[in-house]
Amino acid sequence: MQRFLFLFLVLLPTSALAAEWEPYVNARYGFAVEIPPGFTLVQEADNGDGRTYRNGEAELRVWAHYLTAGPFEEEVADRRTTYQQEGWDLSYDRQTAGWASLSGTLVDSILYHRVIALCDDAVASFVLDYPQSMKAEISPLVGRLVKSLHPAEGCTSAQGAAPSAQ
């Protein structure tokens, strides 16, 4: 009985920590991302361009679209300008030819936006928006989300644009 109790106490935290990340693959635009444990699907776009997930007050939006206003660099510049006009204080802003990350705060909210280039003049993004009170819980998820957002295999024009899912 003592051995059983010991095994139960040892394995219980392990299974709780090993909660599964759920893969989301968007066939319409050819990208994939992993959804963190605790986030549940609340809406799927009618046109198949993405989904919205929630975990308490935290919201994760994942979507893609075709570039219409210009190249990738202009897309990111437009998004940056929009965030600044909305009052976001962008404290993290990095960009390459194939990906960009923007992060900042607005009052008591934190925002992290990752966008990557896809094939056929498309881009995929996720935006994670959560209250400061959830920072300790949500911030550790960002790194894996960033690494998991990637173009579909065979999208050679976007190769190197984003890291592969791990």
N, C-alpha and C. Protein backbone atom coordinates (compact mmCIF):
# COMPACT_ATOMS: atom_id res chain seq x y z
N MET A 1 0.83 -1.19 0.00
CA MET A 1 0.00 0.00 0.00
C MET A 1 0.87 1.25 0.00
N GLN A 2 1.95 1.22 0.77
CA GLN A 2 2.84 2.37 0.84
C GLN A 2 3.47 2.64 -0.53
N ARG A 3 3.85 1.57 -1.25
CA ARG A 3 4.43 1.72 -2.59
C ARG A 3 3.42 2.34 -3.55
N PHE A 4 2.18 1.91 -3.46
CA PHE A 4 1.13 2.47 -4.33
C PHE A 4 0.94 3.95 -4.06
N LEU A 5 0.90 4.32 -2.80
CA LEU A 5 0.73 5.73 -2.43
C LEU A 5 1.91 6.55 -2.93
N PHE A 6 3.12 6.02 -2.80
CA PHE A 6 4.32 6.71 -3.28
C PHE A 6 4.24 6.92 -4.79
N LEU A 7 3.90 5.87 -5.54
CA LEU A 7 3.79 5.98 -6.99
C LEU A 7 2.70 6.98 -7.38
N PHE A 8 1.60 6.96 -6.69
CA PHE A 8 0.51 7.90 -6.98
C PHE A 8 0.98 9.34 -6.78
N LEU A 9 1.66 9.59 -5.67
CA LEU A 9 2.13 10.95 -5.39
C LEU A 9 3.21 11.40 -6.36
N VAL A 10 4.03 10.49 -6.84
CA VAL A 10 5.08 10.83 -7.79
C VAL A 10 4.51 11.06 -9.18
N LEU A 11 3.59 10.22 -9.61
CA LEU A 11 3.06 10.31 -10.97
C LEU A 11 1.99 11.38 -11.14
N LEU A 12 1.29 11.75 -10.10
CA LEU A 12 0.24 12.75 -10.22
C LEU A 12 0.77 14.09 -10.73
N PRO A 13 1.80 14.67 -10.12
CA PRO A 13 2.29 15.95 -10.65
C PRO A 13 2.84 15.82 -12.06
N THR A 14 3.45 14.70 -12.38
CA THR A 14 4.00 14.49 -13.72
C THR A 14 2.91 14.55 -14.76
N SER A 15 1.80 13.88 -14.51
CA SER A 15 0.72 13.88 -15.50
C SER A 15 0.08 15.25 -15.61
N ALA A 16 0.00 15.98 -14.53
CA ALA A 16 -0.57 17.33 -14.58
C ALA A 16 0.33 18.26 -15.37
N LEU A 17 1.65 18.14 -15.21
CA LEU A 17 2.58 18.99 -15.93
C LEU A 17 2.68 18.63 -17.40
N ALA A 18 2.39 17.39 -17.73
CA ALA A 18 2.54 16.93 -19.10
C ALA A 18 1.26 17.08 -19.90
N ALA A 19 0.41 17.99 -19.49
CA ALA A 19 -0.83 18.23 -20.24
C ALA A 19 -0.49 18.47 -21.70
N GLU A 20 -1.29 17.93 -22.55
CA GLU A 20 -1.01 17.95 -23.98
C GLU A 20 -1.33 19.28 -24.65
N TRP A 21 -0.43 19.70 -25.49
CA TRP A 21 -0.67 20.81 -26.40
C TRP A 21 -1.43 20.22 -27.59
N GLU A 22 -2.42 20.93 -28.08
CA GLU A 22 -3.27 20.44 -29.16
C GLU A 22 -2.84 21.05 -30.50
N PRO A 23 -2.52 20.21 -31.48
CA PRO A 23 -2.14 20.78 -32.78
C PRO A 23 -3.35 21.36 -33.50
N TYR A 24 -3.15 22.49 -34.13
CA TYR A 24 -4.16 23.08 -35.01
C TYR A 24 -3.50 23.27 -36.37
N VAL A 25 -4.08 22.65 -37.39
CA VAL A 25 -3.57 22.75 -38.75
C VAL A 25 -4.63 23.44 -39.59
N ASN A 26 -4.23 24.49 -40.28
CA ASN A 26 -5.13 25.22 -41.14
C ASN A 26 -4.80 24.84 -42.58
N ALA A 27 -5.65 24.00 -43.17
CA ALA A 27 -5.41 23.51 -44.53
C ALA A 27 -5.63 24.59 -45.59
N ARG A 28 -6.51 25.52 -45.31
CA ARG A 28 -6.80 26.57 -46.30
C ARG A 28 -5.56 27.40 -46.61
N TYR A 29 -4.81 27.78 -45.58
CA TYR A 29 -3.63 28.63 -45.78
C TYR A 29 -2.31 27.89 -45.64
N GLY A 30 -2.34 26.67 -45.14
CA GLY A 30 -1.11 25.89 -45.04
C GLY A 30 -0.20 26.31 -43.90
N PHE A 31 -0.72 26.27 -42.68
CA PHE A 31 0.12 26.53 -41.52
C PHE A 31 -0.38 25.70 -40.35
N ALA A 32 0.47 25.62 -39.33
CA ALA A 32 0.12 24.87 -38.12
C ALA A 32 0.65 25.61 -36.90
N VAL A 33 0.01 25.35 -35.77
CA VAL A 33 0.43 25.89 -34.49
C VAL A 33 -0.08 24.95 -33.41
N GLU A 34 0.58 24.95 -32.27
CA GLU A 34 0.13 24.14 -31.15
C GLU A 34 -0.61 25.03 -30.16
N ILE A 35 -1.76 24.55 -29.70
CA ILE A 35 -2.59 25.29 -28.75
C ILE A 35 -2.27 24.80 -27.33
N PRO A 36 -1.96 25.72 -26.42
CA PRO A 36 -1.57 25.32 -25.07
C PRO A 36 -2.70 24.65 -24.30
N PRO A 37 -2.34 23.82 -23.32
CA PRO A 37 -3.34 23.22 -22.44
C PRO A 37 -4.12 24.32 -21.72
N GLY A 38 -5.39 24.06 -21.49
CA GLY A 38 -6.23 25.02 -20.78
C GLY A 38 -6.97 25.98 -21.69
N PHE A 39 -6.57 26.07 -22.95
CA PHE A 39 -7.26 26.93 -23.91
C PHE A 39 -8.31 26.10 -24.62
N THR A 40 -9.54 26.58 -24.63
CA THR A 40 -10.63 25.87 -25.29
C THR A 40 -11.13 26.68 -26.48
N LEU A 41 -11.54 25.97 -27.51
CA LEU A 41 -12.06 26.59 -28.73
C LEU A 41 -13.38 27.29 -28.42
N VAL A 42 -13.47 28.56 -28.80
CA VAL A 42 -14.72 29.30 -28.61
C VAL A 42 -15.33 29.74 -29.93
N GLN A 43 -14.52 29.80 -30.98
CA GLN A 43 -15.07 30.22 -32.27
C GLN A 43 -14.16 29.77 -33.41
N GLU A 44 -14.77 29.30 -34.45
CA GLU A 44 -14.06 28.99 -35.69
C GLU A 44 -14.61 29.92 -36.76
N ALA A 45 -13.71 30.54 -37.51
CA ALA A 45 -14.14 31.47 -38.56
C ALA A 45 -14.93 30.73 -39.63
N ASP A 46 -16.02 31.32 -40.07
CA ASP A 46 -16.86 30.70 -41.11
C ASP A 46 -16.09 30.47 -42.40
N ASN A 47 -15.14 31.34 -42.70
CA ASN A 47 -14.39 31.21 -43.96
C ASN A 47 -13.16 30.31 -43.85
N GLY A 48 -12.92 29.72 -42.68
CA GLY A 48 -11.82 28.79 -42.52
C GLY A 48 -10.46 29.43 -42.35
N ASP A 49 -10.42 30.72 -42.01
CA ASP A 49 -9.10 31.35 -41.89
C ASP A 49 -8.50 31.26 -40.50
N GLY A 50 -9.25 30.80 -39.48
CA GLY A 50 -8.65 30.67 -38.16
C GLY A 50 -9.64 30.36 -37.06
N ARG A 51 -9.14 30.47 -35.83
CA ARG A 51 -9.90 30.12 -34.64
C ARG A 51 -9.58 31.08 -33.50
N THR A 52 -10.49 31.10 -32.51
CA THR A 52 -10.28 31.83 -31.27
C THR A 52 -10.42 30.85 -30.12
N TYR A 53 -9.48 30.93 -29.18
CA TYR A 53 -9.46 30.08 -27.99
C TYR A 53 -9.44 30.97 -26.75
N ARG A 54 -9.92 30.43 -25.63
CA ARG A 54 -9.89 31.16 -24.36
C ARG A 54 -9.41 30.26 -23.23
N ASN A 55 -8.78 30.92 -22.28
CA ASN A 55 -8.40 30.30 -21.01
C ASN A 55 -8.67 31.36 -19.96
N GLY A 56 -9.83 31.32 -19.34
CA GLY A 56 -10.22 32.38 -18.41
C GLY A 56 -10.32 33.69 -19.16
N GLU A 57 -9.58 34.69 -18.71
CA GLU A 57 -9.59 35.99 -19.36
C GLU A 57 -8.57 36.09 -20.50
N ALA A 58 -7.76 35.08 -20.69
CA ALA A 58 -6.76 35.08 -21.77
C ALA A 58 -7.43 34.64 -23.07
N GLU A 59 -7.06 35.31 -24.16
CA GLU A 59 -7.61 34.97 -25.47
C GLU A 59 -6.46 34.73 -26.44
N LEU A 60 -6.57 33.66 -27.23
CA LEU A 60 -5.60 33.31 -28.25
C LEU A 60 -6.32 33.25 -29.58
N ARG A 61 -5.95 34.15 -30.50
CA ARG A 61 -6.53 34.16 -31.84
C ARG A 61 -5.46 33.69 -32.82
N VAL A 62 -5.84 32.75 -33.68
CA VAL A 62 -4.93 32.19 -34.67
C VAL A 62 -5.61 32.29 -36.02
N TRP A 63 -4.94 32.89 -37.00
CA TRP A 63 -5.57 33.06 -38.31
C TRP A 63 -4.53 33.32 -39.39
N ALA A 64 -5.00 33.34 -40.62
CA ALA A 64 -4.14 33.68 -41.76
C ALA A 64 -4.96 34.48 -42.75
N HIS A 65 -4.25 35.16 -43.63
CA HIS A 65 -4.91 35.90 -44.71
C HIS A 65 -3.88 36.19 -45.81
N TYR A 66 -4.40 36.55 -46.96
CA TYR A 66 -3.52 36.93 -48.07
C TYR A 66 -3.14 38.39 -47.94
N LEU A 67 -1.92 38.70 -48.31
CA LEU A 67 -1.46 40.08 -48.32
C LEU A 67 -2.19 40.83 -49.42
N THR A 68 -2.79 41.95 -49.07
CA THR A 68 -3.52 42.74 -50.06
C THR A 68 -2.97 44.16 -50.17
N ALA A 69 -2.36 44.65 -49.08
CA ALA A 69 -1.92 46.04 -49.06
C ALA A 69 -0.45 46.21 -49.42
N GLY A 70 0.24 45.13 -49.71
CA GLY A 70 1.66 45.24 -50.02
C GLY A 70 2.43 44.05 -49.49
N PRO A 71 3.75 44.15 -49.50
CA PRO A 71 4.58 43.02 -49.05
C PRO A 71 4.52 42.82 -47.54
N PHE A 72 5.16 41.75 -47.10
CA PHE A 72 5.19 41.35 -45.69
C PHE A 72 5.61 42.51 -44.79
N GLU A 73 6.65 43.22 -45.16
CA GLU A 73 7.17 44.31 -44.34
C GLU A 73 6.11 45.39 -44.10
N GLU A 74 5.32 45.69 -45.12
CA GLU A 74 4.25 46.69 -44.97
C GLU A 74 3.13 46.17 -44.08
N GLU A 75 2.83 44.88 -44.19
CA GLU A 75 1.82 44.26 -43.33
C GLU A 75 2.19 44.46 -41.86
N VAL A 76 3.44 44.18 -41.53
CA VAL A 76 3.91 44.31 -40.16
C VAL A 76 3.91 45.78 -39.73
N ALA A 77 4.36 46.66 -40.61
CA ALA A 77 4.38 48.10 -40.29
C ALA A 77 2.97 48.61 -40.03
N ASP A 78 2.00 48.17 -40.83
CA ASP A 78 0.61 48.57 -40.62
C ASP A 78 0.09 48.08 -39.27
N ARG A 79 0.41 46.84 -38.93
CA ARG A 79 -0.04 46.27 -37.66
C ARG A 79 0.58 47.05 -36.50
N ARG A 80 1.89 47.34 -36.61
CA ARG A 80 2.60 48.10 -35.58
C ARG A 80 1.93 49.46 -35.37
N THR A 81 1.65 50.16 -36.47
CA THR A 81 1.01 51.47 -36.40
C THR A 81 -0.36 51.38 -35.74
N THR A 82 -1.14 50.37 -36.11
CA THR A 82 -2.47 50.18 -35.52
C THR A 82 -2.37 49.99 -34.01
N TYR A 83 -1.45 49.14 -33.57
CA TYR A 83 -1.29 48.92 -32.12
C TYR A 83 -0.93 50.22 -31.42
N GLN A 84 -0.02 50.99 -31.99
CA GLN A 84 0.38 52.24 -31.37
C GLN A 84 -0.77 53.24 -31.33
N GLN A 85 -1.56 53.30 -32.39
CA GLN A 85 -2.73 54.19 -32.40
C GLN A 85 -3.77 53.77 -31.36
N GLU A 86 -3.86 52.47 -31.09
CA GLU A 86 -4.78 51.97 -30.08
C GLU A 86 -4.27 52.23 -28.65
N GLY A 87 -3.02 52.67 -28.53
CA GLY A 87 -2.46 52.98 -27.22
C GLY A 87 -1.53 51.93 -26.64
N TRP A 88 -1.25 50.87 -27.39
CA TRP A 88 -0.34 49.83 -26.89
C TRP A 88 1.07 50.40 -26.79
N ASP A 89 1.75 50.12 -25.69
CA ASP A 89 3.15 50.47 -25.50
C ASP A 89 3.97 49.23 -25.90
N LEU A 90 4.49 49.25 -27.12
CA LEU A 90 5.23 48.09 -27.64
C LEU A 90 6.64 48.07 -27.06
N SER A 91 6.90 47.10 -26.21
CA SER A 91 8.19 46.99 -25.56
C SER A 91 9.09 45.97 -26.26
N TYR A 92 8.52 45.15 -27.13
CA TYR A 92 9.30 44.16 -27.88
C TYR A 92 8.86 44.23 -29.32
N ASP A 93 9.81 44.41 -30.24
CA ASP A 93 9.50 44.59 -31.65
C ASP A 93 10.69 44.06 -32.45
N ARG A 94 10.55 42.84 -32.98
CA ARG A 94 11.61 42.25 -33.79
C ARG A 94 11.01 41.78 -35.10
N GLN A 95 11.80 41.94 -36.18
CA GLN A 95 11.30 41.57 -37.50
C GLN A 95 12.45 41.12 -38.38
N THR A 96 12.17 40.09 -39.18
CA THR A 96 13.08 39.65 -40.24
C THR A 96 12.25 39.64 -41.52
N ALA A 97 12.83 39.12 -42.58
CA ALA A 97 12.10 39.06 -43.85
C ALA A 97 10.94 38.08 -43.80
N GLY A 98 10.95 37.12 -42.87
CA GLY A 98 9.92 36.10 -42.86
C GLY A 98 9.08 36.00 -41.60
N TRP A 99 9.43 36.75 -40.56
CA TRP A 99 8.62 36.72 -39.34
C TRP A 99 8.77 38.03 -38.59
N ALA A 100 7.80 38.27 -37.71
CA ALA A 100 7.86 39.43 -36.83
C ALA A 100 7.15 39.09 -35.53
N SER A 101 7.62 39.71 -34.45
CA SER A 101 6.99 39.58 -33.15
C SER A 101 6.84 40.97 -32.54
N LEU A 102 5.65 41.26 -32.05
CA LEU A 102 5.34 42.52 -31.39
C LEU A 102 4.71 42.19 -30.04
N SER A 103 5.16 42.88 -29.01
CA SER A 103 4.59 42.65 -27.69
C SER A 103 4.54 43.96 -26.93
N GLY A 104 3.51 44.10 -26.12
CA GLY A 104 3.40 45.32 -25.35
C GLY A 104 2.28 45.25 -24.34
N THR A 105 2.04 46.40 -23.73
CA THR A 105 1.02 46.49 -22.69
C THR A 105 0.08 47.66 -22.98
N LEU A 106 -1.12 47.54 -22.48
CA LEU A 106 -2.13 48.59 -22.54
C LEU A 106 -2.94 48.49 -21.26
N VAL A 107 -2.81 49.47 -20.39
CA VAL A 107 -3.44 49.49 -19.08
C VAL A 107 -3.04 48.20 -18.35
N ASP A 108 -3.97 47.26 -18.14
CA ASP A 108 -3.67 46.02 -17.41
C ASP A 108 -3.61 44.81 -18.32
N SER A 109 -3.44 45.02 -19.63
CA SER A 109 -3.40 43.91 -20.58
C SER A 109 -2.01 43.76 -21.20
N ILE A 110 -1.68 42.51 -21.54
CA ILE A 110 -0.44 42.18 -22.24
C ILE A 110 -0.82 41.57 -23.57
N LEU A 111 -0.07 41.92 -24.61
CA LEU A 111 -0.33 41.42 -25.95
C LEU A 111 0.96 40.85 -26.53
N TYR A 112 0.86 39.71 -27.19
CA TYR A 112 1.98 39.16 -27.96
C TYR A 112 1.43 38.76 -29.32
N HIS A 113 2.01 39.34 -30.39
CA HIS A 113 1.57 39.05 -31.76
C HIS A 113 2.76 38.50 -32.53
N ARG A 114 2.57 37.31 -33.09
CA ARG A 114 3.59 36.68 -33.94
C ARG A 114 2.98 36.51 -35.32
N VAL A 115 3.71 36.92 -36.34
CA VAL A 115 3.25 36.78 -37.72
C VAL A 115 4.38 36.18 -38.54
N ILE A 116 4.04 35.23 -39.42
CA ILE A 116 5.03 34.59 -40.29
C ILE A 116 4.55 34.64 -41.73
N ALA A 117 5.51 34.65 -42.63
CA ALA A 117 5.19 34.57 -44.06
C ALA A 117 4.86 33.13 -44.43
N LEU A 118 3.89 32.99 -45.31
CA LEU A 118 3.53 31.69 -45.86
C LEU A 118 3.73 31.73 -47.37
N CYS A 119 3.41 30.65 -48.03
CA CYS A 119 3.46 30.62 -49.49
C CYS A 119 2.29 31.42 -50.08
N ASP A 120 2.39 31.73 -51.34
CA ASP A 120 1.30 32.36 -52.10
C ASP A 120 0.88 33.71 -51.50
N ASP A 121 1.86 34.51 -51.05
CA ASP A 121 1.58 35.84 -50.51
C ASP A 121 0.55 35.83 -49.38
N ALA A 122 0.69 34.88 -48.49
CA ALA A 122 -0.17 34.79 -47.31
C ALA A 122 0.69 34.92 -46.05
N VAL A 123 0.04 35.26 -44.96
CA VAL A 123 0.70 35.32 -43.66
C VAL A 123 -0.18 34.62 -42.63
N ALA A 124 0.46 34.05 -41.62
CA ALA A 124 -0.27 33.45 -40.49
C ALA A 124 0.15 34.18 -39.23
N SER A 125 -0.79 34.31 -38.31
CA SER A 125 -0.54 35.03 -37.06
C SER A 125 -1.18 34.33 -35.89
N PHE A 126 -0.63 34.60 -34.72
CA PHE A 126 -1.38 34.39 -33.49
C PHE A 126 -1.23 35.64 -32.66
N VAL A 127 -2.29 35.96 -31.94
CA VAL A 127 -2.28 37.06 -30.97
C VAL A 127 -2.74 36.49 -29.65
N LEU A 128 -1.90 36.65 -28.66
CA LEU A 128 -2.20 36.22 -27.31
C LEU A 128 -2.41 37.49 -26.48
N ASP A 129 -3.60 37.65 -25.93
CA ASP A 129 -3.99 38.85 -25.19
C ASP A 129 -4.48 38.39 -23.82
N TYR A 130 -3.85 38.89 -22.76
CA TYR A 130 -4.20 38.42 -21.43
C TYR A 130 -3.96 39.51 -20.39
N PRO A 131 -4.66 39.42 -19.25
CA PRO A 131 -4.48 40.43 -18.20
C PRO A 131 -3.14 40.25 -17.48
N GLN A 132 -2.63 41.35 -16.95
CA GLN A 132 -1.37 41.32 -16.18
C GLN A 132 -1.45 40.28 -15.06
N SER A 133 -2.64 40.09 -14.50
CA SER A 133 -2.81 39.15 -13.38
C SER A 133 -2.51 37.70 -13.79
N MET A 134 -2.51 37.40 -15.09
CA MET A 134 -2.23 36.05 -15.57
C MET A 134 -0.83 35.90 -16.13
N LYS A 135 0.01 36.91 -15.96
CA LYS A 135 1.35 36.91 -16.56
C LYS A 135 2.18 35.68 -16.17
N ALA A 136 2.19 35.33 -14.89
CA ALA A 136 3.00 34.19 -14.44
C ALA A 136 2.53 32.89 -15.08
N GLU A 137 1.26 32.77 -15.35
CA GLU A 137 0.69 31.56 -15.94
C GLU A 137 0.86 31.51 -17.46
N ILE A 138 0.68 32.64 -18.13
CA ILE A 138 0.62 32.68 -19.59
C ILE A 138 1.97 32.94 -20.24
N SER A 139 2.79 33.80 -19.68
CA SER A 139 4.08 34.16 -20.30
C SER A 139 4.95 32.95 -20.66
N PRO A 140 5.03 31.92 -19.81
CA PRO A 140 5.86 30.77 -20.16
C PRO A 140 5.39 30.01 -21.42
N LEU A 141 4.16 30.25 -21.86
CA LEU A 141 3.62 29.55 -23.03
C LEU A 141 4.07 30.19 -24.34
N VAL A 142 4.48 31.44 -24.29
CA VAL A 142 4.76 32.20 -25.51
C VAL A 142 5.88 31.56 -26.34
N GLY A 143 6.96 31.16 -25.71
CA GLY A 143 8.08 30.57 -26.45
C GLY A 143 7.68 29.37 -27.27
N ARG A 144 6.91 28.47 -26.69
CA ARG A 144 6.49 27.28 -27.43
C ARG A 144 5.50 27.65 -28.53
N LEU A 145 4.61 28.60 -28.26
CA LEU A 145 3.69 29.05 -29.30
C LEU A 145 4.47 29.59 -30.49
N VAL A 146 5.47 30.43 -30.23
CA VAL A 146 6.29 31.02 -31.29
C VAL A 146 6.96 29.92 -32.11
N LYS A 147 7.57 28.95 -31.43
CA LYS A 147 8.27 27.87 -32.12
C LYS A 147 7.32 26.98 -32.91
N SER A 148 6.08 26.87 -32.45
CA SER A 148 5.17 25.93 -33.11
C SER A 148 4.47 26.52 -34.33
N LEU A 149 4.39 27.84 -34.45
CA LEU A 149 3.74 28.46 -35.61
C LEU A 149 4.66 28.33 -36.81
N HIS A 150 4.24 27.58 -37.80
CA HIS A 150 5.10 27.34 -38.96
C HIS A 150 4.29 27.05 -40.21
N PRO A 151 4.90 27.30 -41.39
CA PRO A 151 4.23 26.97 -42.65
C PRO A 151 4.15 25.46 -42.83
N ALA A 152 3.23 25.04 -43.67
CA ALA A 152 3.10 23.62 -43.98
C ALA A 152 4.34 23.14 -44.73
N GLU A 153 4.60 21.86 -44.61
CA GLU A 153 5.70 21.27 -45.37
C GLU A 153 5.43 21.47 -46.85
N GLY A 154 6.50 21.70 -47.59
CA GLY A 154 6.36 21.91 -49.02
C GLY A 154 6.22 23.37 -49.39
N CYS A 155 6.10 24.23 -48.41
CA CYS A 155 6.00 25.66 -48.65
C CYS A 155 7.42 26.19 -48.72
N THR A 156 8.07 25.98 -49.85
CA THR A 156 9.50 26.30 -49.95
C THR A 156 9.79 27.79 -50.01
N SER A 157 8.86 28.59 -50.49
CA SER A 157 9.13 30.03 -50.54
C SER A 157 9.13 30.65 -49.15
N ALA A 158 8.57 29.97 -48.17
CA ALA A 158 8.55 30.50 -46.80
C ALA A 158 9.54 29.75 -45.91
N GLN A 159 10.29 28.80 -46.47
CA GLN A 159 11.25 28.06 -45.66
C GLN A 159 12.23 29.03 -45.02
N GLY A 160 12.51 28.81 -43.77
CA GLY A 160 13.37 29.71 -43.03
C GLY A 160 12.61 30.89 -42.47
N ALA A 161 11.35 31.02 -42.83
CA ALA A 161 10.55 32.15 -42.35
C ALA A 161 10.21 31.99 -40.88
N ALA A 162 10.08 30.77 -40.43
CA ALA A 162 9.73 30.53 -39.03
C ALA A 162 10.28 29.18 -38.64
N PRO A 163 10.56 29.01 -37.36
CA PRO A 163 11.07 27.71 -36.92
C PRO A 163 10.01 26.63 -37.03
N SER A 164 10.47 25.41 -37.21
CA SER A 164 9.56 24.27 -37.25
C SER A 164 9.01 24.00 -35.86
N ALA A 165 7.87 23.34 -35.82
CA ALA A 165 7.31 22.93 -34.53
C ALA A 165 8.21 21.90 -33.90
N GLN A 166 8.34 21.95 -32.61
CA GLN A 166 9.20 21.00 -31.91
C GLN A 166 8.39 20.08 -31.07
